[in-house]
């Protein structure tokens, strides 16, 4: 089984700006980490307060967001699948 995933053309990548809906609000954020089925997104502090988040980051499933703006990345890190520790490895 191949456990390496290159940047996706369909899913968000590091630095991409995405938009998602949470608690009947449209929220914008920047992707800070990739997982196999989700992304970790940094949102503005005021949005985090409205969503009752403990900090300004949240997890969003790939199926629950739209990409607003693609980031310009010079290199393409490889996503390494390692069970629960899966993360983007530069």
PDB file of N, CA and C in Angstrom:
ATOM      1  N   UNK A   1       0.843  -1.190   0.000  1.00  0.00           N
ATOM      2  CA  UNK A   1       0.000   0.000   0.000  1.00  0.00           C
ATOM      3  C   UNK A   1       0.880   1.242   0.000  1.00  0.00           C
ATOM      4  N   UNK A   2       0.645   2.137  -0.940  1.00  0.00           N
ATOM      5  CA  UNK A   2       1.392   3.386  -1.024  1.00  0.00           C
ATOM      6  C   UNK A   2       0.847   4.359   0.022  1.00  0.00           C
ATOM      7  N   UNK A   3       1.706   4.869   0.891  1.00  0.00           N
ATOM      8  CA  UNK A   3       1.262   5.764   1.966  1.00  0.00           C
ATOM      9  C   UNK A   3       1.684   7.208   1.760  1.00  0.00           C
ATOM     10  N   UNK A   4       2.172   7.557   0.589  1.00  0.00           N
ATOM     11  CA  UNK A   4       2.566   8.935   0.296  1.00  0.00           C
ATOM     12  C   UNK A   4       1.533   9.578  -0.612  1.00  0.00           C
ATOM     13  N   UNK A   5       1.137  10.796  -0.287  1.00  0.00           N
ATOM     14  CA  UNK A   5       0.177  11.531  -1.081  1.00  0.00           C
ATOM     15  C   UNK A   5       0.783  12.860  -1.467  1.00  0.00           C
ATOM     16  N   UNK A   6       0.841  13.168  -2.754  1.00  0.00           N
ATOM     17  CA  UNK A   6       1.320  14.477  -3.192  1.00  0.00           C
ATOM     18  C   UNK A   6       0.211  15.497  -3.032  1.00  0.00           C
ATOM     19  N   UNK A   7       0.557  16.746  -3.182  1.00  0.00           N
ATOM     20  CA  UNK A   7      -0.449  17.801  -3.134  1.00  0.00           C
ATOM     21  C   UNK A   7      -1.634  17.413  -4.003  1.00  0.00           C
ATOM     22  N   UNK A   8      -2.799  17.767  -3.573  1.00  0.00           N
ATOM     23  CA  UNK A   8      -4.018  17.415  -4.278  1.00  0.00           C
ATOM     24  C   UNK A   8      -4.480  18.571  -5.163  1.00  0.00           C
ATOM     25  N   UNK A   9      -5.004  18.239  -6.310  1.00  0.00           N
ATOM     26  CA  UNK A   9      -5.579  19.257  -7.176  1.00  0.00           C
ATOM     27  C   UNK A   9      -7.025  19.530  -6.785  1.00  0.00           C
ATOM     28  N   UNK A  10      -7.665  18.581  -6.104  1.00  0.00           N
ATOM     29  CA  UNK A  10      -9.067  18.730  -5.726  1.00  0.00           C
ATOM     30  C   UNK A  10      -9.244  19.256  -4.309  1.00  0.00           C
ATOM     31  N   UNK A  11      -8.355  18.881  -3.405  1.00  0.00           N
ATOM     32  CA  UNK A  11      -8.451  19.311  -2.011  1.00  0.00           C
ATOM     33  C   UNK A  11      -7.534  20.499  -1.758  1.00  0.00           C
ATOM     34  N   UNK A  12      -7.761  21.162  -0.630  1.00  0.00           N
ATOM     35  CA  UNK A  12      -6.936  22.313  -0.263  1.00  0.00           C
ATOM     36  C   UNK A  12      -5.525  21.858   0.100  1.00  0.00           C
ATOM     37  N   UNK A  13      -4.589  22.741  -0.068  1.00  0.00           N
ATOM     38  CA  UNK A  13      -3.192  22.508   0.276  1.00  0.00           C
ATOM     39  C   UNK A  13      -2.741  23.575   1.265  1.00  0.00           C
ATOM     40  N   UNK A  14      -1.524  23.454   1.762  1.00  0.00           N
ATOM     41  CA  UNK A  14      -0.999  24.416   2.732  1.00  0.00           C
ATOM     42  C   UNK A  14      -1.076  25.841   2.202  1.00  0.00           C
ATOM     43  N   UNK A  15      -1.570  26.733   3.040  1.00  0.00           N
ATOM     44  CA  UNK A  15      -1.634  28.145   2.673  1.00  0.00           C
ATOM     45  C   UNK A  15      -2.855  28.547   1.885  1.00  0.00           C
ATOM     46  N   UNK A  16      -3.647  27.593   1.414  1.00  0.00           N
ATOM     47  CA  UNK A  16      -4.859  27.928   0.667  1.00  0.00           C
ATOM     48  C   UNK A  16      -5.876  28.590   1.589  1.00  0.00           C
ATOM     49  N   UNK A  17      -6.618  29.549   1.034  1.00  0.00           N
ATOM     50  CA  UNK A  17      -7.710  30.173   1.775  1.00  0.00           C
ATOM     51  C   UNK A  17      -8.982  29.407   1.442  1.00  0.00           C
ATOM     52  N   UNK A  18      -9.692  28.990   2.493  1.00  0.00           N
ATOM     53  CA  UNK A  18     -10.913  28.225   2.285  1.00  0.00           C
ATOM     54  C   UNK A  18     -12.075  28.880   3.010  1.00  0.00           C
ATOM     55  N   UNK A  19     -13.278  28.434   2.648  1.00  0.00           N
ATOM     56  CA  UNK A  19     -14.493  28.930   3.267  1.00  0.00           C
ATOM     57  C   UNK A  19     -15.336  27.724   3.648  1.00  0.00           C
ATOM     58  N   UNK A  20     -15.890  27.745   4.865  1.00  0.00           N
ATOM     59  CA  UNK A  20     -16.720  26.638   5.322  1.00  0.00           C
ATOM     60  C   UNK A  20     -17.843  27.169   6.196  1.00  0.00           C
ATOM     61  N   UNK A  21     -18.840  26.345   6.425  1.00  0.00           N
ATOM     62  CA  UNK A  21     -19.982  26.752   7.236  1.00  0.00           C
ATOM     63  C   UNK A  21     -19.929  26.010   8.557  1.00  0.00           C
ATOM     64  N   UNK A  22     -20.070  26.774   9.640  1.00  0.00           N
ATOM     65  CA  UNK A  22     -20.065  26.199  10.990  1.00  0.00           C
ATOM     66  C   UNK A  22     -21.032  26.995  11.837  1.00  0.00           C
ATOM     67  N   UNK A  23     -21.938  26.333  12.522  1.00  0.00           N
ATOM     68  CA  UNK A  23     -22.941  26.979  13.389  1.00  0.00           C
ATOM     69  C   UNK A  23     -23.694  28.075  12.647  1.00  0.00           C
ATOM     70  N   UNK A  24     -24.135  27.756  11.445  1.00  0.00           N
ATOM     71  CA  UNK A  24     -24.919  28.656  10.594  1.00  0.00           C
ATOM     72  C   UNK A  24     -24.172  29.931  10.204  1.00  0.00           C
ATOM     73  N   UNK A  25     -22.848  29.916  10.274  1.00  0.00           N
ATOM     74  CA  UNK A  25     -22.029  31.064   9.878  1.00  0.00           C
ATOM     75  C   UNK A  25     -21.040  30.623   8.811  1.00  0.00           C
ATOM     76  N   UNK A  26     -20.766  31.519   7.872  1.00  0.00           N
ATOM     77  CA  UNK A  26     -19.736  31.281   6.871  1.00  0.00           C
ATOM     78  C   UNK A  26     -18.419  31.775   7.460  1.00  0.00           C
ATOM     79  N   UNK A  27     -17.422  30.896   7.476  1.00  0.00           N
ATOM     80  CA  UNK A  27     -16.138  31.215   8.098  1.00  0.00           C
ATOM     81  C   UNK A  27     -15.034  31.072   7.059  1.00  0.00           C
ATOM     82  N   UNK A  28     -14.087  32.000   7.065  1.00  0.00           N
ATOM     83  CA  UNK A  28     -12.914  31.947   6.197  1.00  0.00           C
ATOM     84  C   UNK A  28     -11.689  31.628   7.028  1.00  0.00           C
ATOM     85  N   UNK A  29     -10.746  30.904   6.431  1.00  0.00           N
ATOM     86  CA  UNK A  29      -9.519  30.591   7.140  1.00  0.00           C
ATOM     87  C   UNK A  29      -8.424  30.161   6.189  1.00  0.00           C
ATOM     88  N   UNK A  30      -7.241  29.926   6.752  1.00  0.00           N
ATOM     89  CA  UNK A  30      -6.074  29.515   5.979  1.00  0.00           C
ATOM     90  C   UNK A  30      -5.655  28.121   6.448  1.00  0.00           C
ATOM     91  N   UNK A  31      -5.400  27.239   5.503  1.00  0.00           N
ATOM     92  CA  UNK A  31      -5.004  25.869   5.813  1.00  0.00           C
ATOM     93  C   UNK A  31      -3.585  25.864   6.376  1.00  0.00           C
ATOM     94  N   UNK A  32      -3.418  25.279   7.577  1.00  0.00           N
ATOM     95  CA  UNK A  32      -2.113  25.223   8.216  1.00  0.00           C
ATOM     96  C   UNK A  32      -1.547  23.811   8.270  1.00  0.00           C
ATOM     97  N   UNK A  33      -2.409  22.792   8.105  1.00  0.00           N
ATOM     98  CA  UNK A  33      -1.933  21.408   8.120  1.00  0.00           C
ATOM     99  C   UNK A  33      -2.897  20.540   7.325  1.00  0.00           C
ATOM    100  N   UNK A  34      -2.356  19.488   6.759  1.00  0.00           N
ATOM    101  CA  UNK A  34      -3.153  18.549   5.967  1.00  0.00           C
ATOM    102  C   UNK A  34      -3.208  17.199   6.652  1.00  0.00           C
ATOM    103  N   UNK A  35      -4.346  16.573   6.551  1.00  0.00           N
ATOM    104  CA  UNK A  35      -4.529  15.199   6.990  1.00  0.00           C
ATOM    105  C   UNK A  35      -5.164  14.443   5.836  1.00  0.00           C
ATOM    106  N   UNK A  36      -5.308  13.152   5.986  1.00  0.00           N
ATOM    107  CA  UNK A  36      -5.859  12.345   4.897  1.00  0.00           C
ATOM    108  C   UNK A  36      -7.288  12.749   4.554  1.00  0.00           C
ATOM    109  N   UNK A  37      -8.126  12.980   5.547  1.00  0.00           N
ATOM    110  CA  UNK A  37      -9.533  13.289   5.322  1.00  0.00           C
ATOM    111  C   UNK A  37      -9.938  14.704   5.734  1.00  0.00           C
ATOM    112  N   UNK A  38      -9.010  15.463   6.312  1.00  0.00           N
ATOM    113  CA  UNK A  38      -9.333  16.784   6.832  1.00  0.00           C
ATOM    114  C   UNK A  38      -8.183  17.765   6.619  1.00  0.00           C
ATOM    115  N   UNK A  39      -8.470  19.024   6.908  1.00  0.00           N
ATOM    116  CA  UNK A  39      -7.436  20.061   6.968  1.00  0.00           C
ATOM    117  C   UNK A  39      -7.582  20.775   8.306  1.00  0.00           C
ATOM    118  N   UNK A  40      -6.492  21.316   8.802  1.00  0.00           N
ATOM    119  CA  UNK A  40      -6.532  22.157   9.993  1.00  0.00           C
ATOM    120  C   UNK A  40      -6.447  23.593   9.507  1.00  0.00           C
ATOM    121  N   UNK A  41      -7.381  24.407   9.985  1.00  0.00           N
ATOM    122  CA  UNK A  41      -7.553  25.758   9.469  1.00  0.00           C
ATOM    123  C   UNK A  41      -7.383  26.778  10.583  1.00  0.00           C
ATOM    124  N   UNK A  42      -6.628  27.823  10.283  1.00  0.00           N
ATOM    125  CA  UNK A  42      -6.475  28.939  11.217  1.00  0.00           C
ATOM    126  C   UNK A  42      -7.502  30.002  10.832  1.00  0.00           C
ATOM    127  N   UNK A  43      -8.331  30.384  11.808  1.00  0.00           N
ATOM    128  CA  UNK A  43      -9.354  31.402  11.574  1.00  0.00           C
ATOM    129  C   UNK A  43      -9.027  32.644  12.397  1.00  0.00           C
ATOM    130  N   UNK A  44      -9.665  33.742  12.094  1.00  0.00           N
ATOM    131  CA  UNK A  44      -9.442  34.971  12.859  1.00  0.00           C
ATOM    132  C   UNK A  44      -9.983  34.795  14.276  1.00  0.00           C
ATOM    133  N   UNK A  45      -9.407  35.535  15.202  1.00  0.00           N
ATOM    134  CA  UNK A  45      -9.782  35.413  16.613  1.00  0.00           C
ATOM    135  C   UNK A  45     -11.262  35.706  16.868  1.00  0.00           C
ATOM    136  N   UNK A  46     -11.822  36.708  16.181  1.00  0.00           N
ATOM    137  CA  UNK A  46     -13.238  37.014  16.391  1.00  0.00           C
ATOM    138  C   UNK A  46     -14.130  35.878  15.901  1.00  0.00           C
ATOM    139  N   UNK A  47     -13.755  35.225  14.806  1.00  0.00           N
ATOM    140  CA  UNK A  47     -14.517  34.065  14.323  1.00  0.00           C
ATOM    141  C   UNK A  47     -14.408  32.909  15.306  1.00  0.00           C
ATOM    142  N   UNK A  48     -13.226  32.724  15.892  1.00  0.00           N
ATOM    143  CA  UNK A  48     -13.038  31.648  16.872  1.00  0.00           C
ATOM    144  C   UNK A  48     -13.927  31.875  18.094  1.00  0.00           C
ATOM    145  N   UNK A  49     -14.065  33.116  18.523  1.00  0.00           N
ATOM    146  CA  UNK A  49     -14.928  33.419  19.670  1.00  0.00           C
ATOM    147  C   UNK A  49     -16.389  33.135  19.340  1.00  0.00           C
ATOM    148  N   UNK A  50     -16.826  33.522  18.140  1.00  0.00           N
ATOM    149  CA  UNK A  50     -18.209  33.275  17.729  1.00  0.00           C
ATOM    150  C   UNK A  50     -18.516  31.778  17.663  1.00  0.00           C
ATOM    151  N   UNK A  51     -17.508  30.979  17.318  1.00  0.00           N
ATOM    152  CA  UNK A  51     -17.689  29.531  17.192  1.00  0.00           C
ATOM    153  C   UNK A  51     -17.400  28.792  18.496  1.00  0.00           C
ATOM    154  N   UNK A  52     -17.056  29.527  19.541  1.00  0.00           N
ATOM    155  CA  UNK A  52     -16.719  28.937  20.844  1.00  0.00           C
ATOM    156  C   UNK A  52     -15.550  27.959  20.756  1.00  0.00           C
ATOM    157  N   UNK A  53     -14.535  28.322  19.981  1.00  0.00           N
ATOM    158  CA  UNK A  53     -13.350  27.477  19.858  1.00  0.00           C
ATOM    159  C   UNK A  53     -12.362  27.823  20.971  1.00  0.00           C
ATOM    160  N   UNK A  54     -11.612  26.837  21.477  1.00  0.00           N
ATOM    161  CA  UNK A  54     -10.630  27.117  22.526  1.00  0.00           C
ATOM    162  C   UNK A  54      -9.446  27.949  22.035  1.00  0.00           C
ATOM    163  N   UNK A  55      -9.136  27.868  20.739  1.00  0.00           N
ATOM    164  CA  UNK A  55      -8.093  28.707  20.139  1.00  0.00           C
ATOM    165  C   UNK A  55      -8.540  29.058  18.723  1.00  0.00           C
ATOM    166  N   UNK A  56      -7.623  29.551  17.905  1.00  0.00           N
ATOM    167  CA  UNK A  56      -8.029  30.010  16.573  1.00  0.00           C
ATOM    168  C   UNK A  56      -7.802  28.978  15.467  1.00  0.00           C
ATOM    169  N   UNK A  57      -7.779  27.697  15.815  1.00  0.00           N
ATOM    170  CA  UNK A  57      -7.650  26.654  14.807  1.00  0.00           C
ATOM    171  C   UNK A  57      -8.781  25.649  14.950  1.00  0.00           C
ATOM    172  N   UNK A  58      -9.200  25.088  13.825  1.00  0.00           N
ATOM    173  CA  UNK A  58     -10.254  24.082  13.828  1.00  0.00           C
ATOM    174  C   UNK A  58      -9.999  23.077  12.713  1.00  0.00           C
ATOM    175  N   UNK A  59     -10.678  21.951  12.784  1.00  0.00           N
ATOM    176  CA  UNK A  59     -10.541  20.885  11.797  1.00  0.00           C
ATOM    177  C   UNK A  59     -11.767  20.908  10.893  1.00  0.00           C
ATOM    178  N   UNK A  60     -11.527  20.795   9.571  1.00  0.00           N
ATOM    179  CA  UNK A  60     -12.613  20.790   8.606  1.00  0.00           C
ATOM    180  C   UNK A  60     -12.404  19.621   7.643  1.00  0.00           C
ATOM    181  N   UNK A  61     -13.436  18.828   7.436  1.00  0.00           N
ATOM    182  CA  UNK A  61     -13.365  17.706   6.495  1.00  0.00           C
ATOM    183  C   UNK A  61     -13.255  18.235   5.066  1.00  0.00           C
ATOM    184  N   UNK A  62     -12.592  17.471   4.206  1.00  0.00           N
ATOM    185  CA  UNK A  62     -12.421  17.894   2.815  1.00  0.00           C
ATOM    186  C   UNK A  62     -13.759  18.164   2.129  1.00  0.00           C
ATOM    187  N   UNK A  63     -14.776  17.420   2.486  1.00  0.00           N
ATOM    188  CA  UNK A  63     -16.076  17.577   1.820  1.00  0.00           C
ATOM    189  C   UNK A  63     -16.842  18.806   2.300  1.00  0.00           C
ATOM    190  N   UNK A  64     -16.351  19.482   3.358  1.00  0.00           N
ATOM    191  CA  UNK A  64     -17.111  20.571   3.970  1.00  0.00           C
ATOM    192  C   UNK A  64     -16.554  21.965   3.713  1.00  0.00           C
ATOM    193  N   UNK A  65     -15.708  22.149   2.732  1.00  0.00           N
ATOM    194  CA  UNK A  65     -15.183  23.483   2.447  1.00  0.00           C
ATOM    195  C   UNK A  65     -15.081  23.720   0.953  1.00  0.00           C
ATOM    196  N   UNK A  66     -14.925  24.979   0.598  1.00  0.00           N
ATOM    197  CA  UNK A  66     -14.612  25.354  -0.782  1.00  0.00           C
ATOM    198  C   UNK A  66     -13.330  26.175  -0.751  1.00  0.00           C
ATOM    199  N   UNK A  67     -12.539  26.045  -1.780  1.00  0.00           N
ATOM    200  CA  UNK A  67     -11.283  26.785  -1.876  1.00  0.00           C
ATOM    201  C   UNK A  67     -11.581  28.157  -2.455  1.00  0.00           C
ATOM    202  N   UNK A  68     -11.199  29.192  -1.720  1.00  0.00           N
ATOM    203  CA  UNK A  68     -11.427  30.567  -2.150  1.00  0.00           C
ATOM    204  C   UNK A  68     -10.245  31.069  -2.963  1.00  0.00           C
ATOM    205  N   UNK A  69      -9.032  30.766  -2.487  1.00  0.00           N
ATOM    206  CA  UNK A  69      -7.816  31.223  -3.164  1.00  0.00           C
ATOM    207  C   UNK A  69      -6.692  30.228  -2.936  1.00  0.00           C
ATOM    208  N   UNK A  70      -6.050  29.833  -4.012  1.00  0.00           N
ATOM    209  CA  UNK A  70      -4.918  28.916  -3.921  1.00  0.00           C
ATOM    210  C   UNK A  70      -3.652  29.673  -3.544  1.00  0.00           C
ATOM    211  N   UNK A  71      -2.850  29.081  -2.671  1.00  0.00           N
ATOM    212  CA  UNK A  71      -1.561  29.659  -2.308  1.00  0.00           C
ATOM    213  C   UNK A  71      -0.538  29.301  -3.375  1.00  0.00           C
ATOM    214  N   UNK A  72       0.455  30.146  -3.523  1.00  0.00           N
ATOM    215  CA  UNK A  72       1.541  29.869  -4.451  1.00  0.00           C
ATOM    216  C   UNK A  72       2.659  29.208  -3.652  1.00  0.00           C
ATOM    217  N   UNK A  73       2.848  27.913  -3.866  1.00  0.00           N
ATOM    218  CA  UNK A  73       3.879  27.163  -3.157  1.00  0.00           C
ATOM    219  C   UNK A  73       4.985  26.789  -4.129  1.00  0.00           C
ATOM    220  N   UNK A  74       6.211  27.116  -3.765  1.00  0.00           N
ATOM    221  CA  UNK A  74       7.342  26.827  -4.647  1.00  0.00           C
ATOM    222  C   UNK A  74       7.667  25.346  -4.676  1.00  0.00           C
ATOM    223  N   UNK A  75       7.527  24.686  -3.543  1.00  0.00           N
ATOM    224  CA  UNK A  75       7.795  23.258  -3.487  1.00  0.00           C
ATOM    225  C   UNK A  75       6.520  22.526  -3.113  1.00  0.00           C
ATOM    226  N   UNK A  76       6.491  21.254  -3.389  1.00  0.00           N
ATOM    227  CA  UNK A  76       5.332  20.451  -3.058  1.00  0.00           C
ATOM    228  C   UNK A  76       5.724  19.401  -2.031  1.00  0.00           C
ATOM    229  N   UNK A  77       5.469  19.679  -0.743  1.00  0.00           N
ATOM    230  CA  UNK A  77       5.779  18.688   0.284  1.00  0.00           C
ATOM    231  C   UNK A  77       4.956  17.431   0.069  1.00  0.00           C
ATOM    232  N   UNK A  78       5.345  16.369   0.695  1.00  0.00           N
ATOM    233  CA  UNK A  78       4.663  15.093   0.540  1.00  0.00           C
ATOM    234  C   UNK A  78       3.897  14.787   1.813  1.00  0.00           C
ATOM    235  N   UNK A  79       2.648  14.376   1.646  1.00  0.00           N
ATOM    236  CA  UNK A  79       1.824  13.966   2.762  1.00  0.00           C
ATOM    237  C   UNK A  79       2.132  12.503   3.052  1.00  0.00           C
ATOM    238  N   UNK A  80       2.515  12.205   4.276  1.00  0.00           N
ATOM    239  CA  UNK A  80       2.884  10.844   4.638  1.00  0.00           C
ATOM    240  C   UNK A  80       1.822  10.276   5.567  1.00  0.00           C
ATOM    241  N   UNK A  81       1.196   9.168   5.153  1.00  0.00           N
ATOM    242  CA  UNK A  81       0.171   8.541   5.972  1.00  0.00           C
ATOM    243  C   UNK A  81       0.830   7.620   6.978  1.00  0.00           C
ATOM    244  N   UNK A  82       0.559   7.889   8.251  1.00  0.00           N
ATOM    245  CA  UNK A  82       1.153   7.096   9.331  1.00  0.00           C
ATOM    246  C   UNK A  82       0.101   6.900  10.427  1.00  0.00           C
ATOM    247  N   UNK A  83      -1.078   6.418  10.052  1.00  0.00           N
ATOM    248  CA  UNK A  83      -2.137   6.195  11.029  1.00  0.00           C
ATOM    249  C   UNK A  83      -2.561   7.482  11.689  1.00  0.00           C
ATOM    250  N   UNK A  84      -2.633   7.482  13.015  1.00  0.00           N
ATOM    251  CA  UNK A  84      -3.085   8.643  13.768  1.00  0.00           C
ATOM    252  C   UNK A  84      -2.103   9.798  13.669  1.00  0.00           C
ATOM    253  N   UNK A  85      -0.860   9.536  13.347  1.00  0.00           N
ATOM    254  CA  UNK A  85       0.150  10.601  13.281  1.00  0.00           C
ATOM    255  C   UNK A  85       0.303  11.173  11.894  1.00  0.00           C
ATOM    256  N   UNK A  86      -0.637  10.918  10.999  1.00  0.00           N
ATOM    257  CA  UNK A  86      -0.535  11.414   9.635  1.00  0.00           C
ATOM    258  C   UNK A  86      -0.437  12.928   9.608  1.00  0.00           C
ATOM    259  N   UNK A  87       0.459  13.420   8.822  1.00  0.00           N
ATOM    260  CA  UNK A  87       0.599  14.881   8.709  1.00  0.00           C
ATOM    261  C   UNK A  87       1.431  15.185   7.467  1.00  0.00           C
ATOM    262  N   UNK A  88       1.454  16.448   7.133  1.00  0.00           N
ATOM    263  CA  UNK A  88       2.260  16.886   6.008  1.00  0.00           C
ATOM    264  C   UNK A  88       3.716  16.898   6.455  1.00  0.00           C
ATOM    265  N   UNK A  89       4.548  16.247   5.702  1.00  0.00           N
ATOM    266  CA  UNK A  89       5.978  16.201   6.017  1.00  0.00           C
ATOM    267  C   UNK A  89       6.722  16.978   4.943  1.00  0.00           C
ATOM    268  N   UNK A  90       7.401  18.019   5.324  1.00  0.00           N
ATOM    269  CA  UNK A  90       8.137  18.843   4.354  1.00  0.00           C
ATOM    270  C   UNK A  90       9.488  18.229   4.068  1.00  0.00           C
TER     271      UNK A  90
END
